[in-house]
Protein backbone atom coordinates (compact mmCIF):
# COMPACT_ATOMS: atom_id res chain seq x y z
CA MET A 1 35.71 -48.66 -129.37
CA ASN A 2 33.03 -46.11 -130.98
CA SER A 3 31.00 -43.75 -128.44
CA LYS A 4 27.80 -45.51 -129.50
CA SER A 5 29.95 -48.54 -127.24
CA PHE A 6 31.05 -47.04 -124.60
CA ILE A 7 28.42 -45.16 -123.45
CA ALA A 8 26.26 -48.68 -123.29
CA ALA A 9 29.74 -49.95 -121.78
CA PHE A 10 29.76 -47.50 -119.30
CA PHE A 11 25.63 -47.23 -117.90
CA PHE A 12 26.35 -51.60 -117.92
CA SER A 13 29.22 -50.86 -115.41
CA LEU A 14 26.74 -48.64 -113.58
CA LEU A 15 23.96 -50.97 -113.18
CA LEU A 16 26.37 -53.89 -112.04
CA LEU A 17 27.89 -51.54 -110.04
CA THR A 18 24.22 -50.04 -108.16
CA ALA A 19 23.02 -53.87 -108.50
CA CYS A 20 26.20 -55.18 -106.20
CA SER A 21 25.74 -52.43 -103.50
CA SER A 22 22.06 -52.75 -102.58
CA THR A 23 20.16 -53.79 -100.13
CA LYS A 24 17.41 -55.95 -100.35
CA ILE A 25 13.96 -56.68 -98.39
CA HIS A 26 11.32 -59.07 -99.28
CA TYR A 27 8.65 -59.73 -96.56
CA ASP A 28 5.30 -60.76 -96.84
CA GLN A 29 2.86 -58.36 -96.01
CA SER A 30 -0.08 -60.13 -94.76
CA VAL A 31 1.80 -61.03 -91.54
CA ASP A 32 1.32 -59.11 -88.17
CA PHE A 33 4.74 -58.91 -87.69
CA SER A 34 4.20 -57.15 -83.48
CA HIS A 35 2.29 -60.56 -82.55
CA TYR A 36 6.70 -62.71 -82.62
CA LYS A 37 8.68 -61.69 -79.68
CA THR A 38 11.51 -64.78 -79.23
CA PHE A 39 13.61 -65.87 -81.60
CA ALA A 40 16.52 -68.87 -82.15
CA PHE A 41 18.76 -70.00 -84.70
CA PHE A 42 18.24 -72.17 -87.32
CA LYS A 43 20.88 -75.05 -86.16
CA LYS A 44 21.29 -76.69 -89.50
CA GLY A 45 21.61 -73.48 -91.52
CA LEU A 46 24.16 -72.25 -88.99
CA ASP A 47 26.39 -75.23 -90.03
CA HIS A 48 26.38 -74.85 -93.32
CA LEU A 49 27.36 -71.15 -93.58
CA ARG A 50 30.21 -70.91 -94.72
CA VAL A 51 32.64 -68.63 -92.68
CA PRO A 52 35.81 -69.24 -90.29
CA HIS A 53 34.19 -70.46 -87.20
CA LYS A 54 34.97 -66.97 -85.24
CA LYS A 55 32.82 -64.96 -88.17
CA LYS A 56 29.78 -67.31 -87.89
CA HIS A 57 30.06 -66.56 -83.87
CA PHE A 58 30.56 -63.10 -84.55
CA ILE A 59 27.63 -62.99 -87.05
CA ILE A 60 25.23 -64.91 -84.54
CA GLN A 61 26.25 -62.48 -82.02
CA THR A 62 25.46 -59.23 -83.55
CA ILE A 63 22.36 -60.44 -84.75
CA SER A 64 21.83 -61.84 -81.61
CA LYS A 65 22.29 -58.27 -80.28
CA THR A 66 20.04 -56.76 -82.49
CA LEU A 67 17.24 -58.44 -81.96
CA LEU A 68 17.44 -58.02 -78.42
CA GLN A 69 17.69 -54.19 -78.86
CA LYS A 70 14.18 -54.62 -80.45
CA GLY A 71 12.52 -56.00 -77.88
CA PHE A 72 12.85 -59.81 -78.71
CA SER A 73 14.24 -62.23 -76.87
CA LYS A 74 15.89 -65.93 -77.42
CA SER A 75 13.54 -68.47 -76.55
CA SER A 76 14.06 -72.81 -76.70
CA HIS A 77 10.46 -72.40 -78.11
CA PRO A 78 11.04 -69.61 -80.51
CA ASP A 79 8.12 -67.37 -82.56
CA PHE A 80 10.43 -67.36 -85.28
CA ILE A 81 14.01 -68.59 -86.18
CA VAL A 82 16.69 -66.96 -88.54
CA ASN A 83 18.22 -68.52 -90.82
CA VAL A 84 21.91 -67.24 -92.04
CA PHE A 85 23.74 -67.86 -94.97
CA THR A 86 26.58 -66.39 -97.51
CA ASP A 87 27.07 -66.38 -100.92
CA LEU A 88 30.84 -65.57 -100.87
CA HIS A 89 33.26 -65.94 -103.65
CA ASP A 90 36.76 -65.27 -105.00
CA ARG A 91 37.65 -61.85 -106.75
CA VAL A 92 40.37 -61.10 -108.50
CA ASP A 93 40.99 -57.45 -110.26
CA VAL A 94 43.89 -57.15 -112.29
CA TYR A 95 45.18 -53.27 -113.47
CA PRO A 96 47.85 -52.93 -115.76
CA ARG A 97 51.06 -50.89 -114.97
CA TYR A 98 53.33 -49.88 -117.57
CA TYR A 99 57.23 -48.36 -116.78
CA SER A 100 58.10 -48.05 -120.22
CA PRO A 101 57.66 -48.71 -123.22
CA PHE A 102 59.24 -51.94 -123.71
CA TYR A 103 58.18 -53.61 -120.21
CA SER A 104 54.67 -53.63 -118.16
CA ARG A 105 53.49 -55.60 -115.62
CA ALA A 106 50.11 -56.20 -113.97
CA TYR A 107 49.09 -55.66 -110.80
CA ILE A 108 46.56 -58.18 -108.86
CA GLU A 109 44.72 -57.45 -106.58
CA LYS A 110 42.36 -60.45 -104.58
CA SER A 111 39.66 -60.08 -102.21
CA LYS A 112 36.26 -61.59 -100.95
CA GLU A 113 32.95 -60.66 -101.70
CA GLY A 114 29.70 -62.16 -102.31
CA THR A 115 26.46 -61.49 -100.12
CA LEU A 116 25.12 -61.93 -96.66
CA PHE A 117 21.54 -63.29 -96.45
CA ILE A 118 19.03 -63.44 -93.33
CA ASP A 119 15.34 -64.80 -93.44
CA ILE A 120 13.23 -64.86 -90.63
CA VAL A 121 11.11 -68.58 -90.82
CA ASP A 122 7.45 -68.51 -89.11
CA LEU A 123 7.64 -71.88 -87.12
CA ASN A 124 4.04 -72.29 -86.64
CA GLN A 125 3.55 -71.66 -90.30
CA LYS A 126 6.67 -72.63 -91.57
CA LYS A 127 7.73 -70.40 -94.56
CA VAL A 128 9.39 -67.44 -95.13
CA ILE A 129 8.09 -64.19 -93.45
CA TRP A 130 11.08 -61.69 -93.97
CA SER A 131 14.23 -62.01 -95.96
CA GLY A 132 17.27 -59.86 -96.63
CA SER A 133 20.41 -59.58 -98.49
CA ARG A 134 22.96 -57.63 -98.68
CA TYR A 135 26.08 -57.15 -100.54
CA ILE A 136 29.80 -57.32 -99.01
CA ASN A 137 33.15 -57.32 -99.93
CA LEU A 138 35.45 -58.38 -97.69
CA GLU A 139 38.87 -57.04 -98.94
CA GLY A 140 39.34 -54.79 -95.60
CA ASN A 141 38.49 -55.84 -91.91
CA ASP A 142 35.57 -58.27 -92.40
CA TYR A 143 34.31 -58.12 -88.74
CA LYS A 144 33.29 -54.60 -89.37
CA GLU A 145 32.00 -55.64 -93.50
CA PHE A 146 29.88 -58.05 -91.98
CA LYS A 147 28.42 -56.01 -88.90
CA LYS A 148 27.63 -53.24 -91.40
CA ALA A 149 25.45 -55.02 -93.25
CA ILE A 150 23.80 -56.73 -90.63
CA TYR A 151 22.78 -53.36 -89.06
CA LYS A 152 21.18 -52.49 -92.46
CA LEU A 153 19.58 -55.55 -93.35
CA LEU A 154 18.14 -55.46 -89.89
CA GLU A 155 17.69 -51.86 -89.65
CA LYS A 156 13.85 -51.51 -90.47
CA PHE A 157 12.93 -55.01 -88.90
CA PRO A 158 10.11 -55.68 -88.04
CA PRO A 159 8.36 -53.98 -91.01
CA LYS A 160 5.99 -51.65 -89.98
CA PRO A 161 1.85 -52.03 -91.31
């Protein structure tokens, strides 16, 4: 590999790494978020959340707790609904390990990774007014990774004018 190819590959890898580790937030800047006081979860969205039941319950509790701490309250007639979904897939990394010139063996590491998405939908307007996504790697403690992602996503919600 020549030096130009190596440098290009290095910067491409760096770009992928930074893209995967980012938190992305988008919101409608024309919306006054101070008018929103109550929330509920989008039931159909939760039914399609592709995580085990215990983790689904944990995600809902963590989001609820975070929103309650920010002064919102749960309601059967909410101002906004929270839609949560994931795009998770298996990740397989293969690392070569050499023991001798005549024998080599590969080390395989499996994990899950993907993106956690949280959307805030105005019920009156029936449109998404805030959307956040964060890359998660579920290699270790899944609950810790989900909690960290939720806190990071909702850290600056609601946006200040």
